[in-house]
């Protein structure tokens, strides 16, 4: 385990294993490794750039963190489904669990006073 801690991702990948035709370099390979590791336990729409960065930081602390733009580019080039950046969009109507307009609560009228 100590030997693994001292090696970097670039040391594990020889240049012969990376093909120039697919545009894969050690940083992009690390991004894809993080994506597929997260994909084992999550749906693609629940994997975002922050998740990938956190995975790299936790599992490969010696590696420099790739930029968000490089992560987006790598996932787009590989045509992988992922969570879009920013806030989630609401494409459809919100799911309503109760009627949209509830009548106002009225107090029952007091009994008429007898005189």
PDB file of N, CA and C in Angstrom:
ATOM      1  N   UNK A   1       0.824  -1.184   0.000  1.00  0.00           N
ATOM      2  CA  UNK A   1       0.000   0.000   0.000  1.00  0.00           C
ATOM      3  C   UNK A   1       0.871   1.251   0.000  1.00  0.00           C
ATOM      4  N   UNK A   2       2.002   1.214   0.680  1.00  0.00           N
ATOM      5  CA  UNK A   2       2.872   2.384   0.747  1.00  0.00           C
ATOM      6  C   UNK A   2       3.420   2.719  -0.636  1.00  0.00           C
ATOM      7  N   UNK A   3       3.709   1.681  -1.427  1.00  0.00           N
ATOM      8  CA  UNK A   3       4.212   1.920  -2.778  1.00  0.00           C
ATOM      9  C   UNK A   3       3.150   2.603  -3.624  1.00  0.00           C
ATOM     10  N   UNK A   4       1.913   2.196  -3.465  1.00  0.00           N
ATOM     11  CA  UNK A   4       0.830   2.814  -4.235  1.00  0.00           C
ATOM     12  C   UNK A   4       0.669   4.280  -3.851  1.00  0.00           C
ATOM     13  N   UNK A   5       0.851   4.605  -2.571  1.00  0.00           N
ATOM     14  CA  UNK A   5       0.702   5.982  -2.118  1.00  0.00           C
ATOM     15  C   UNK A   5       1.770   6.893  -2.711  1.00  0.00           C
ATOM     16  N   UNK A   6       2.930   6.356  -3.035  1.00  0.00           N
ATOM     17  CA  UNK A   6       4.027   7.164  -3.550  1.00  0.00           C
ATOM     18  C   UNK A   6       3.953   7.348  -5.063  1.00  0.00           C
ATOM     19  N   UNK A   7       3.145   6.550  -5.746  1.00  0.00           N
ATOM     20  CA  UNK A   7       3.049   6.643  -7.198  1.00  0.00           C
ATOM     21  C   UNK A   7       1.928   7.582  -7.595  1.00  0.00           C
ATOM     22  N   UNK A   8       2.091   8.223  -8.722  1.00  0.00           N
ATOM     23  CA  UNK A   8       1.057   9.088  -9.268  1.00  0.00           C
ATOM     24  C   UNK A   8       0.367   8.358 -10.409  1.00  0.00           C
ATOM     25  N   UNK A   9      -0.767   8.886 -10.828  1.00  0.00           N
ATOM     26  CA  UNK A   9      -1.525   8.281 -11.917  1.00  0.00           C
ATOM     27  C   UNK A   9      -0.674   8.219 -13.181  1.00  0.00           C
ATOM     28  N   UNK A  10       0.110   9.246 -13.419  1.00  0.00           N
ATOM     29  CA  UNK A  10       0.944   9.278 -14.626  1.00  0.00           C
ATOM     30  C   UNK A  10       1.964   8.155 -14.621  1.00  0.00           C
ATOM     31  N   UNK A  11       2.425   7.764 -13.422  1.00  0.00           N
ATOM     32  CA  UNK A  11       3.382   6.668 -13.333  1.00  0.00           C
ATOM     33  C   UNK A  11       2.723   5.332 -13.670  1.00  0.00           C
ATOM     34  N   UNK A  12       1.436   5.206 -13.351  1.00  0.00           N
ATOM     35  CA  UNK A  12       0.738   3.945 -13.591  1.00  0.00           C
ATOM     36  C   UNK A  12       0.400   3.758 -15.067  1.00  0.00           C
ATOM     37  N   UNK A  13       0.194   4.845 -15.781  1.00  0.00           N
ATOM     38  CA  UNK A  13      -0.168   4.764 -17.191  1.00  0.00           C
ATOM     39  C   UNK A  13       1.055   5.035 -18.062  1.00  0.00           C
ATOM     40  N   UNK A  14       1.465   4.035 -18.785  1.00  0.00           N
ATOM     41  CA  UNK A  14       2.582   4.272 -19.688  1.00  0.00           C
ATOM     42  C   UNK A  14       2.047   4.955 -20.942  1.00  0.00           C
ATOM     43  N   UNK A  15       2.852   5.754 -21.614  1.00  0.00           N
ATOM     44  CA  UNK A  15       2.373   6.432 -22.821  1.00  0.00           C
ATOM     45  C   UNK A  15       1.858   5.472 -23.883  1.00  0.00           C
ATOM     46  N   UNK A  16       2.330   4.236 -23.871  1.00  0.00           N
ATOM     47  CA  UNK A  16       1.864   3.267 -24.852  1.00  0.00           C
ATOM     48  C   UNK A  16       0.420   2.848 -24.629  1.00  0.00           C
ATOM     49  N   UNK A  17      -0.067   2.996 -23.424  1.00  0.00           N
ATOM     50  CA  UNK A  17      -1.443   2.604 -23.129  1.00  0.00           C
ATOM     51  C   UNK A  17      -2.453   3.673 -23.537  1.00  0.00           C
ATOM     52  N   UNK A  18      -2.001   4.900 -23.669  1.00  0.00           N
ATOM     53  CA  UNK A  18      -2.897   5.988 -24.044  1.00  0.00           C
ATOM     54  C   UNK A  18      -2.757   6.254 -25.532  1.00  0.00           C
ATOM     55  N   UNK A  19      -3.864   6.234 -26.221  1.00  0.00           N
ATOM     56  CA  UNK A  19      -3.882   6.428 -27.660  1.00  0.00           C
ATOM     57  C   UNK A  19      -4.170   7.891 -27.976  1.00  0.00           C
ATOM     58  N   UNK A  20      -3.365   8.495 -28.825  1.00  0.00           N
ATOM     59  CA  UNK A  20      -3.584   9.897 -29.208  1.00  0.00           C
ATOM     60  C   UNK A  20      -4.900  10.071 -29.957  1.00  0.00           C
ATOM     61  N   UNK A  21      -5.365   9.038 -30.622  1.00  0.00           N
ATOM     62  CA  UNK A  21      -6.582   9.136 -31.416  1.00  0.00           C
ATOM     63  C   UNK A  21      -7.826   9.392 -30.588  1.00  0.00           C
ATOM     64  N   UNK A  22      -7.861   8.882 -29.346  1.00  0.00           N
ATOM     65  CA  UNK A  22      -9.045   9.104 -28.518  1.00  0.00           C
ATOM     66  C   UNK A  22      -8.908  10.321 -27.613  1.00  0.00           C
ATOM     67  N   UNK A  23      -7.766  10.995 -27.642  1.00  0.00           N
ATOM     68  CA  UNK A  23      -7.580  12.207 -26.865  1.00  0.00           C
ATOM     69  C   UNK A  23      -7.445  11.965 -25.372  1.00  0.00           C
ATOM     70  N   UNK A  24      -7.096  10.758 -24.998  1.00  0.00           N
ATOM     71  CA  UNK A  24      -6.988  10.427 -23.586  1.00  0.00           C
ATOM     72  C   UNK A  24      -5.574  10.704 -23.086  1.00  0.00           C
ATOM     73  N   UNK A  25      -5.493  11.480 -22.020  1.00  0.00           N
ATOM     74  CA  UNK A  25      -4.218  11.714 -21.350  1.00  0.00           C
ATOM     75  C   UNK A  25      -4.397  11.307 -19.892  1.00  0.00           C
ATOM     76  N   UNK A  26      -3.357  11.333 -19.073  1.00  0.00           N
ATOM     77  CA  UNK A  26      -3.510  10.873 -17.684  1.00  0.00           C
ATOM     78  C   UNK A  26      -4.593  11.620 -16.905  1.00  0.00           C
ATOM     79  N   UNK A  27      -4.746  12.911 -17.138  1.00  0.00           N
ATOM     80  CA  UNK A  27      -5.761  13.672 -16.407  1.00  0.00           C
ATOM     81  C   UNK A  27      -7.157  13.252 -16.833  1.00  0.00           C
ATOM     82  N   UNK A  28      -7.366  13.116 -18.124  1.00  0.00           N
ATOM     83  CA  UNK A  28      -8.681  12.682 -18.609  1.00  0.00           C
ATOM     84  C   UNK A  28      -8.970  11.243 -18.198  1.00  0.00           C
ATOM     85  N   UNK A  29      -7.967  10.413 -18.168  1.00  0.00           N
ATOM     86  CA  UNK A  29      -8.164   9.038 -17.701  1.00  0.00           C
ATOM     87  C   UNK A  29      -8.581   9.031 -16.238  1.00  0.00           C
ATOM     88  N   UNK A  30      -8.006   9.914 -15.445  1.00  0.00           N
ATOM     89  CA  UNK A  30      -8.375  10.010 -14.040  1.00  0.00           C
ATOM     90  C   UNK A  30      -9.812  10.490 -13.886  1.00  0.00           C
ATOM     91  N   UNK A  31     -10.242  11.439 -14.709  1.00  0.00           N
ATOM     92  CA  UNK A  31     -11.629  11.922 -14.669  1.00  0.00           C
ATOM     93  C   UNK A  31     -12.590  10.778 -14.986  1.00  0.00           C
ATOM     94  N   UNK A  32     -12.272  10.013 -16.021  1.00  0.00           N
ATOM     95  CA  UNK A  32     -13.143   8.882 -16.383  1.00  0.00           C
ATOM     96  C   UNK A  32     -13.126   7.793 -15.312  1.00  0.00           C
ATOM     97  N   UNK A  33     -11.978   7.586 -14.707  1.00  0.00           N
ATOM     98  CA  UNK A  33     -11.897   6.613 -13.615  1.00  0.00           C
ATOM     99  C   UNK A  33     -12.803   7.048 -12.465  1.00  0.00           C
ATOM    100  N   UNK A  34     -12.767   8.313 -12.131  1.00  0.00           N
ATOM    101  CA  UNK A  34     -13.619   8.833 -11.056  1.00  0.00           C
ATOM    102  C   UNK A  34     -15.093   8.699 -11.434  1.00  0.00           C
ATOM    103  N   UNK A  35     -15.429   9.049 -12.676  1.00  0.00           N
ATOM    104  CA  UNK A  35     -16.817   8.952 -13.129  1.00  0.00           C
ATOM    105  C   UNK A  35     -17.325   7.517 -13.001  1.00  0.00           C
ATOM    106  N   UNK A  36     -16.564   6.559 -13.518  1.00  0.00           N
ATOM    107  CA  UNK A  36     -17.028   5.168 -13.493  1.00  0.00           C
ATOM    108  C   UNK A  36     -17.037   4.591 -12.076  1.00  0.00           C
ATOM    109  N   UNK A  37     -16.145   5.055 -11.209  1.00  0.00           N
ATOM    110  CA  UNK A  37     -16.188   4.609  -9.816  1.00  0.00           C
ATOM    111  C   UNK A  37     -17.460   5.119  -9.148  1.00  0.00           C
ATOM    112  N   UNK A  38     -17.828   6.369  -9.412  1.00  0.00           N
ATOM    113  CA  UNK A  38     -19.065   6.925  -8.867  1.00  0.00           C
ATOM    114  C   UNK A  38     -20.290   6.275  -9.514  1.00  0.00           C
ATOM    115  N   UNK A  39     -20.164   5.915 -10.770  1.00  0.00           N
ATOM    116  CA  UNK A  39     -21.279   5.328 -11.522  1.00  0.00           C
ATOM    117  C   UNK A  39     -21.681   3.975 -10.962  1.00  0.00           C
ATOM    118  N   UNK A  40     -20.773   3.307 -10.288  1.00  0.00           N
ATOM    119  CA  UNK A  40     -21.090   2.011  -9.709  1.00  0.00           C
ATOM    120  C   UNK A  40     -22.137   2.117  -8.609  1.00  0.00           C
ATOM    121  N   UNK A  41     -22.226   3.285  -7.967  1.00  0.00           N
ATOM    122  CA  UNK A  41     -23.140   3.438  -6.841  1.00  0.00           C
ATOM    123  C   UNK A  41     -24.200   4.519  -7.046  1.00  0.00           C
ATOM    124  N   UNK A  42     -24.117   5.276  -8.146  1.00  0.00           N
ATOM    125  CA  UNK A  42     -25.052   6.379  -8.366  1.00  0.00           C
ATOM    126  C   UNK A  42     -25.587   6.368  -9.788  1.00  0.00           C
ATOM    127  N   UNK A  43     -26.721   7.017  -9.950  1.00  0.00           N
ATOM    128  CA  UNK A  43     -27.258   7.229 -11.290  1.00  0.00           C
ATOM    129  C   UNK A  43     -26.450   8.329 -11.972  1.00  0.00           C
ATOM    130  N   UNK A  44     -26.369   8.298 -13.301  1.00  0.00           N
ATOM    131  CA  UNK A  44     -25.584   9.328 -13.992  1.00  0.00           C
ATOM    132  C   UNK A  44     -26.056  10.751 -13.696  1.00  0.00           C
ATOM    133  N   UNK A  45     -27.361  10.940 -13.538  1.00  0.00           N
ATOM    134  CA  UNK A  45     -27.841  12.302 -13.298  1.00  0.00           C
ATOM    135  C   UNK A  45     -27.512  12.792 -11.895  1.00  0.00           C
ATOM    136  N   UNK A  46     -26.957  11.929 -11.058  1.00  0.00           N
ATOM    137  CA  UNK A  46     -26.542  12.325  -9.714  1.00  0.00           C
ATOM    138  C   UNK A  46     -25.036  12.491  -9.608  1.00  0.00           C
ATOM    139  N   UNK A  47     -24.332  12.457 -10.720  1.00  0.00           N
ATOM    140  CA  UNK A  47     -22.883  12.630 -10.725  1.00  0.00           C
ATOM    141  C   UNK A  47     -22.574  13.982 -11.351  1.00  0.00           C
ATOM    142  N   UNK A  48     -21.945  14.849 -10.591  1.00  0.00           N
ATOM    143  CA  UNK A  48     -21.592  16.176 -11.082  1.00  0.00           C
ATOM    144  C   UNK A  48     -20.094  16.407 -11.011  1.00  0.00           C
ATOM    145  N   UNK A  49     -19.696  17.569 -11.475  1.00  0.00           N
ATOM    146  CA  UNK A  49     -18.272  17.899 -11.488  1.00  0.00           C
ATOM    147  C   UNK A  49     -17.697  17.943 -10.076  1.00  0.00           C
ATOM    148  N   UNK A  50     -18.476  18.462  -9.148  1.00  0.00           N
ATOM    149  CA  UNK A  50     -18.000  18.537  -7.764  1.00  0.00           C
ATOM    150  C   UNK A  50     -17.773  17.141  -7.194  1.00  0.00           C
ATOM    151  N   UNK A  51     -18.659  16.207  -7.528  1.00  0.00           N
ATOM    152  CA  UNK A  51     -18.500  14.825  -7.056  1.00  0.00           C
ATOM    153  C   UNK A  51     -17.222  14.204  -7.603  1.00  0.00           C
ATOM    154  N   UNK A  52     -16.962  14.447  -8.872  1.00  0.00           N
ATOM    155  CA  UNK A  52     -15.754  13.904  -9.500  1.00  0.00           C
ATOM    156  C   UNK A  52     -14.511  14.524  -8.865  1.00  0.00           C
ATOM    157  N   UNK A  53     -14.530  15.832  -8.646  1.00  0.00           N
ATOM    158  CA  UNK A  53     -13.389  16.500  -8.007  1.00  0.00           C
ATOM    159  C   UNK A  53     -13.155  15.964  -6.603  1.00  0.00           C
ATOM    160  N   UNK A  54     -14.224  15.771  -5.848  1.00  0.00           N
ATOM    161  CA  UNK A  54     -14.085  15.246  -4.488  1.00  0.00           C
ATOM    162  C   UNK A  54     -13.541  13.824  -4.492  1.00  0.00           C
ATOM    163  N   UNK A  55     -13.971  13.015  -5.460  1.00  0.00           N
ATOM    164  CA  UNK A  55     -13.470  11.643  -5.552  1.00  0.00           C
ATOM    165  C   UNK A  55     -11.966  11.658  -5.834  1.00  0.00           C
ATOM    166  N   UNK A  56     -11.552  12.499  -6.777  1.00  0.00           N
ATOM    167  CA  UNK A  56     -10.123  12.583  -7.112  1.00  0.00           C
ATOM    168  C   UNK A  56      -9.319  13.063  -5.910  1.00  0.00           C
ATOM    169  N   UNK A  57      -9.835  14.073  -5.225  1.00  0.00           N
ATOM    170  CA  UNK A  57      -9.127  14.618  -4.065  1.00  0.00           C
ATOM    171  C   UNK A  57      -8.988  13.576  -2.965  1.00  0.00           C
ATOM    172  N   UNK A  58     -10.013  12.747  -2.778  1.00  0.00           N
ATOM    173  CA  UNK A  58      -9.974  11.728  -1.725  1.00  0.00           C
ATOM    174  C   UNK A  58      -9.127  10.516  -2.110  1.00  0.00           C
ATOM    175  N   UNK A  59      -9.223  10.071  -3.365  1.00  0.00           N
ATOM    176  CA  UNK A  59      -8.561   8.825  -3.769  1.00  0.00           C
ATOM    177  C   UNK A  59      -7.170   9.033  -4.369  1.00  0.00           C
ATOM    178  N   UNK A  60      -6.950  10.186  -4.972  1.00  0.00           N
ATOM    179  CA  UNK A  60      -5.661  10.477  -5.611  1.00  0.00           C
ATOM    180  C   UNK A  60      -5.176  11.856  -5.151  1.00  0.00           C
ATOM    181  N   UNK A  61      -4.827  11.995  -3.864  1.00  0.00           N
ATOM    182  CA  UNK A  61      -4.480  13.323  -3.342  1.00  0.00           C
ATOM    183  C   UNK A  61      -3.232  13.945  -3.962  1.00  0.00           C
ATOM    184  N   UNK A  62      -2.362  13.130  -4.528  1.00  0.00           N
ATOM    185  CA  UNK A  62      -1.140  13.660  -5.136  1.00  0.00           C
ATOM    186  C   UNK A  62      -1.388  14.263  -6.517  1.00  0.00           C
ATOM    187  N   UNK A  63      -2.511  13.921  -7.111  1.00  0.00           N
ATOM    188  CA  UNK A  63      -2.823  14.420  -8.458  1.00  0.00           C
ATOM    189  C   UNK A  63      -3.385  15.841  -8.383  1.00  0.00           C
ATOM    190  N   UNK A  64      -3.028  16.678  -9.340  1.00  0.00           N
ATOM    191  CA  UNK A  64      -3.649  18.006  -9.377  1.00  0.00           C
ATOM    192  C   UNK A  64      -5.109  17.877  -9.786  1.00  0.00           C
ATOM    193  N   UNK A  65      -5.956  18.700  -9.174  1.00  0.00           N
ATOM    194  CA  UNK A  65      -7.379  18.641  -9.500  1.00  0.00           C
ATOM    195  C   UNK A  65      -7.637  19.253 -10.870  1.00  0.00           C
ATOM    196  N   UNK A  66      -8.348  18.561 -11.731  1.00  0.00           N
ATOM    197  CA  UNK A  66      -8.683  19.125 -13.034  1.00  0.00           C
ATOM    198  C   UNK A  66      -9.725  20.232 -12.884  1.00  0.00           C
ATOM    199  N   UNK A  67      -9.742  21.134 -13.817  1.00  0.00           N
ATOM    200  CA  UNK A  67     -10.712  22.226 -13.781  1.00  0.00           C
ATOM    201  C   UNK A  67     -12.106  21.687 -14.117  1.00  0.00           C
ATOM    202  N   UNK A  68     -13.108  22.454 -13.727  1.00  0.00           N
ATOM    203  CA  UNK A  68     -14.489  22.068 -14.040  1.00  0.00           C
ATOM    204  C   UNK A  68     -14.695  21.995 -15.550  1.00  0.00           C
ATOM    205  N   UNK A  69     -14.062  22.922 -16.266  1.00  0.00           N
ATOM    206  CA  UNK A  69     -14.201  22.936 -17.726  1.00  0.00           C
ATOM    207  C   UNK A  69     -13.631  21.657 -18.340  1.00  0.00           C
ATOM    208  N   UNK A  70     -12.497  21.181 -17.832  1.00  0.00           N
ATOM    209  CA  UNK A  70     -11.903  19.950 -18.365  1.00  0.00           C
ATOM    210  C   UNK A  70     -12.774  18.745 -18.025  1.00  0.00           C
ATOM    211  N   UNK A  71     -13.354  18.736 -16.849  1.00  0.00           N
ATOM    212  CA  UNK A  71     -14.249  17.630 -16.487  1.00  0.00           C
ATOM    213  C   UNK A  71     -15.459  17.616 -17.414  1.00  0.00           C
ATOM    214  N   UNK A  72     -16.076  18.795 -17.625  1.00  0.00           N
ATOM    215  CA  UNK A  72     -17.232  18.876 -18.539  1.00  0.00           C
ATOM    216  C   UNK A  72     -16.845  18.432 -19.943  1.00  0.00           C
ATOM    217  N   UNK A  73     -15.703  18.902 -20.425  1.00  0.00           N
ATOM    218  CA  UNK A  73     -15.252  18.549 -21.770  1.00  0.00           C
ATOM    219  C   UNK A  73     -15.002  17.050 -21.897  1.00  0.00           C
ATOM    220  N   UNK A  74     -14.375  16.475 -20.899  1.00  0.00           N
ATOM    221  CA  UNK A  74     -14.083  15.036 -20.931  1.00  0.00           C
ATOM    222  C   UNK A  74     -15.364  14.215 -20.951  1.00  0.00           C
ATOM    223  N   UNK A  75     -16.321  14.576 -20.108  1.00  0.00           N
ATOM    224  CA  UNK A  75     -17.579  13.834 -20.073  1.00  0.00           C
ATOM    225  C   UNK A  75     -18.369  14.024 -21.362  1.00  0.00           C
ATOM    226  N   UNK A  76     -18.314  15.231 -21.926  1.00  0.00           N
ATOM    227  CA  UNK A  76     -19.032  15.483 -23.183  1.00  0.00           C
ATOM    228  C   UNK A  76     -18.391  14.722 -24.339  1.00  0.00           C
ATOM    229  N   UNK A  77     -17.069  14.701 -24.398  1.00  0.00           N
ATOM    230  CA  UNK A  77     -16.382  13.984 -25.482  1.00  0.00           C
ATOM    231  C   UNK A  77     -16.620  12.478 -25.395  1.00  0.00           C
ATOM    232  N   UNK A  78     -16.730  11.975 -24.176  1.00  0.00           N
ATOM    233  CA  UNK A  78     -16.987  10.547 -23.995  1.00  0.00           C
ATOM    234  C   UNK A  78     -18.474  10.226 -24.115  1.00  0.00           C
ATOM    235  N   UNK A  79     -19.304  11.266 -24.287  1.00  0.00           N
ATOM    236  CA  UNK A  79     -20.756  11.130 -24.418  1.00  0.00           C
ATOM    237  C   UNK A  79     -21.355  10.383 -23.232  1.00  0.00           C
ATOM    238  N   UNK A  80     -20.918  10.798 -22.028  1.00  0.00           N
ATOM    239  CA  UNK A  80     -21.415  10.194 -20.803  1.00  0.00           C
ATOM    240  C   UNK A  80     -22.500  11.063 -20.197  1.00  0.00           C
ATOM    241  N   UNK A  81     -23.524  10.432 -19.708  1.00  0.00           N
ATOM    242  CA  UNK A  81     -24.593  11.166 -19.034  1.00  0.00           C
ATOM    243  C   UNK A  81     -24.067  11.641 -17.686  1.00  0.00           C
ATOM    244  N   UNK A  82     -24.419  12.853 -17.324  1.00  0.00           N
ATOM    245  CA  UNK A  82     -24.015  13.406 -16.040  1.00  0.00           C
ATOM    246  C   UNK A  82     -24.964  14.528 -15.672  1.00  0.00           C
ATOM    247  N   UNK A  83     -24.859  14.963 -14.432  1.00  0.00           N
ATOM    248  CA  UNK A  83     -25.713  16.058 -13.966  1.00  0.00           C
ATOM    249  C   UNK A  83     -25.217  17.351 -14.586  1.00  0.00           C
ATOM    250  N   UNK A  84     -26.129  18.130 -15.091  1.00  0.00           N
ATOM    251  CA  UNK A  84     -25.761  19.407 -15.703  1.00  0.00           C
ATOM    252  C   UNK A  84     -25.289  20.364 -14.619  1.00  0.00           C
ATOM    253  N   UNK A  85     -24.408  21.295 -14.972  1.00  0.00           N
ATOM    254  CA  UNK A  85     -23.934  22.248 -13.971  1.00  0.00           C
ATOM    255  C   UNK A  85     -25.044  23.197 -13.542  1.00  0.00           C
ATOM    256  N   UNK A  86     -24.904  23.752 -12.371  1.00  0.00           N
ATOM    257  CA  UNK A  86     -25.866  24.734 -11.884  1.00  0.00           C
ATOM    258  C   UNK A  86     -27.028  24.091 -11.166  1.00  0.00           C
ATOM    259  N   UNK A  87     -28.053  24.880 -10.985  1.00  0.00           N
ATOM    260  CA  UNK A  87     -29.238  24.409 -10.285  1.00  0.00           C
ATOM    261  C   UNK A  87     -30.044  23.474 -11.169  1.00  0.00           C
ATOM    262  N   UNK A  88     -30.731  22.533 -10.565  1.00  0.00           N
ATOM    263  CA  UNK A  88     -31.584  21.648 -11.368  1.00  0.00           C
ATOM    264  C   UNK A  88     -32.696  22.442 -12.043  1.00  0.00           C
ATOM    265  N   UNK A  89     -32.999  22.068 -13.246  1.00  0.00           N
ATOM    266  CA  UNK A  89     -34.093  22.727 -13.967  1.00  0.00           C
ATOM    267  C   UNK A  89     -35.399  22.039 -13.628  1.00  0.00           C
ATOM    268  N   UNK A  90     -36.452  22.783 -13.745  1.00  0.00           N
ATOM    269  CA  UNK A  90     -37.780  22.225 -13.534  1.00  0.00           C
ATOM    270  C   UNK A  90     -38.478  22.213 -14.885  1.00  0.00           C
ATOM    271  N   UNK A  91     -38.236  21.153 -15.642  1.00  0.00           N
ATOM    272  CA  UNK A  91     -38.784  21.068 -16.995  1.00  0.00           C
ATOM    273  C   UNK A  91     -40.292  20.865 -17.002  1.00  0.00           C
ATOM    274  N   UNK A  92     -40.788  20.179 -16.033  1.00  0.00           N
ATOM    275  CA  UNK A  92     -42.212  19.883 -16.012  1.00  0.00           C
ATOM    276  C   UNK A  92     -42.868  20.562 -14.827  1.00  0.00           C
ATOM    277  N   UNK A  93     -44.155  20.407 -14.746  1.00  0.00           N
ATOM    278  CA  UNK A  93     -44.842  21.001 -13.609  1.00  0.00           C
ATOM    279  C   UNK A  93     -44.436  20.312 -12.318  1.00  0.00           C
ATOM    280  N   UNK A  94     -44.477  21.048 -11.249  1.00  0.00           N
ATOM    281  CA  UNK A  94     -44.127  20.486  -9.951  1.00  0.00           C
ATOM    282  C   UNK A  94     -45.181  19.479  -9.537  1.00  0.00           C
ATOM    283  N   UNK A  95     -44.748  18.469  -8.857  1.00  0.00           N
ATOM    284  CA  UNK A  95     -45.678  17.467  -8.364  1.00  0.00           C
ATOM    285  C   UNK A  95     -46.385  18.036  -7.138  1.00  0.00           C
ATOM    286  N   UNK A  96     -47.654  17.988  -7.179  1.00  0.00           N
ATOM    287  CA  UNK A  96     -48.445  18.544  -6.090  1.00  0.00           C
ATOM    288  C   UNK A  96     -49.029  17.404  -5.281  1.00  0.00           C
ATOM    289  N   UNK A  97     -48.813  17.448  -3.988  1.00  0.00           N
ATOM    290  CA  UNK A  97     -49.335  16.388  -3.136  1.00  0.00           C
ATOM    291  C   UNK A  97     -50.672  16.773  -2.525  1.00  0.00           C
ATOM    292  N   UNK A  98     -51.018  18.035  -2.589  1.00  0.00           N
ATOM    293  CA  UNK A  98     -52.308  18.481  -2.075  1.00  0.00           C
ATOM    294  C   UNK A  98     -52.946  19.386  -3.121  1.00  0.00           C
ATOM    295  N   UNK A  99     -54.208  19.671  -2.988  1.00  0.00           N
ATOM    296  CA  UNK A  99     -54.841  20.553  -3.968  1.00  0.00           C
ATOM    297  C   UNK A  99     -54.118  21.902  -4.019  1.00  0.00           C
ATOM    298  N   UNK A 100     -54.030  22.488  -5.201  1.00  0.00           N
ATOM    299  CA  UNK A 100     -53.264  23.725  -5.309  1.00  0.00           C
ATOM    300  C   UNK A 100     -53.864  24.894  -4.541  1.00  0.00           C
ATOM    301  N   UNK A 101     -55.172  24.996  -4.481  1.00  0.00           N
ATOM    302  CA  UNK A 101     -55.793  26.102  -3.774  1.00  0.00           C
ATOM    303  C   UNK A 101     -56.704  25.558  -2.690  1.00  0.00           C
ATOM    304  N   UNK A 102     -56.258  25.678  -1.500  1.00  0.00           N
ATOM    305  CA  UNK A 102     -57.066  25.225  -0.381  1.00  0.00           C
ATOM    306  C   UNK A 102     -57.984  26.360   0.046  1.00  0.00           C
ATOM    307  N   UNK A 103     -59.209  26.046   0.354  1.00  0.00           N
ATOM    308  CA  UNK A 103     -60.092  27.125   0.824  1.00  0.00           C
ATOM    309  C   UNK A 103     -59.582  27.653   2.157  1.00  0.00           C
ATOM    310  N   UNK A 104     -59.745  28.939   2.394  1.00  0.00           N
ATOM    311  CA  UNK A 104     -59.260  29.473   3.670  1.00  0.00           C
ATOM    312  C   UNK A 104     -60.037  28.851   4.821  1.00  0.00           C
ATOM    313  N   UNK A 105     -59.355  28.669   5.896  1.00  0.00           N
ATOM    314  CA  UNK A 105     -60.005  28.099   7.072  1.00  0.00           C
ATOM    315  C   UNK A 105     -60.886  29.179   7.708  1.00  0.00           C
ATOM    316  N   UNK A 106     -62.091  28.838   7.891  1.00  0.00           N
ATOM    317  CA  UNK A 106     -63.017  29.781   8.521  1.00  0.00           C
ATOM    318  C   UNK A 106     -63.391  29.242   9.886  1.00  0.00           C
ATOM    319  N   UNK A 107     -63.469  30.162  10.770  1.00  0.00           N
ATOM    320  CA  UNK A 107     -63.915  29.765  12.096  1.00  0.00           C
ATOM    321  C   UNK A 107     -65.420  29.530  12.050  1.00  0.00           C
ATOM    322  N   UNK A 108     -65.858  28.560  12.778  1.00  0.00           N
ATOM    323  CA  UNK A 108     -67.314  28.382  12.814  1.00  0.00           C
ATOM    324  C   UNK A 108     -67.946  29.598  13.497  1.00  0.00           C
ATOM    325  N   UNK A 109     -69.043  30.000  12.957  1.00  0.00           N
ATOM    326  CA  UNK A 109     -69.744  31.136  13.533  1.00  0.00           C
ATOM    327  C   UNK A 109     -70.303  30.755  14.895  1.00  0.00           C
ATOM    328  N   UNK A 110     -70.246  31.687  15.820  1.00  0.00           N
ATOM    329  CA  UNK A 110     -70.794  31.353  17.143  1.00  0.00           C
ATOM    330  C   UNK A 110     -72.318  31.231  17.046  1.00  0.00           C
ATOM    331  N   UNK A 111     -72.831  30.475  17.941  1.00  0.00           N
ATOM    332  CA  UNK A 111     -74.297  30.331  17.979  1.00  0.00           C
ATOM    333  C   UNK A 111     -74.922  31.704  18.217  1.00  0.00           C
ATOM    334  N   UNK A 112     -76.040  31.925  17.573  1.00  0.00           N
ATOM    335  CA  UNK A 112     -76.690  33.227  17.808  1.00  0.00           C
ATOM    336  C   UNK A 112     -77.101  33.371  19.278  1.00  0.00           C
ATOM    337  N   UNK A 113     -76.979  34.556  19.742  1.00  0.00           N
ATOM    338  CA  UNK A 113     -77.291  34.833  21.145  1.00  0.00           C
ATOM    339  C   UNK A 113     -78.797  34.990  21.280  1.00  0.00           C
ATOM    340  N   UNK A 114     -79.346  34.287  22.216  1.00  0.00           N
ATOM    341  CA  UNK A 114     -80.789  34.371  22.458  1.00  0.00           C
ATOM    342  C   UNK A 114     -81.049  35.470  23.477  1.00  0.00           C
ATOM    343  N   UNK A 115     -82.024  36.211  23.208  1.00  0.00           N
ATOM    344  CA  UNK A 115     -82.394  37.269  24.157  1.00  0.00           C
ATOM    345  C   UNK A 115     -83.777  37.111  24.653  1.00  0.00           C
TER     346      UNK A 115
END
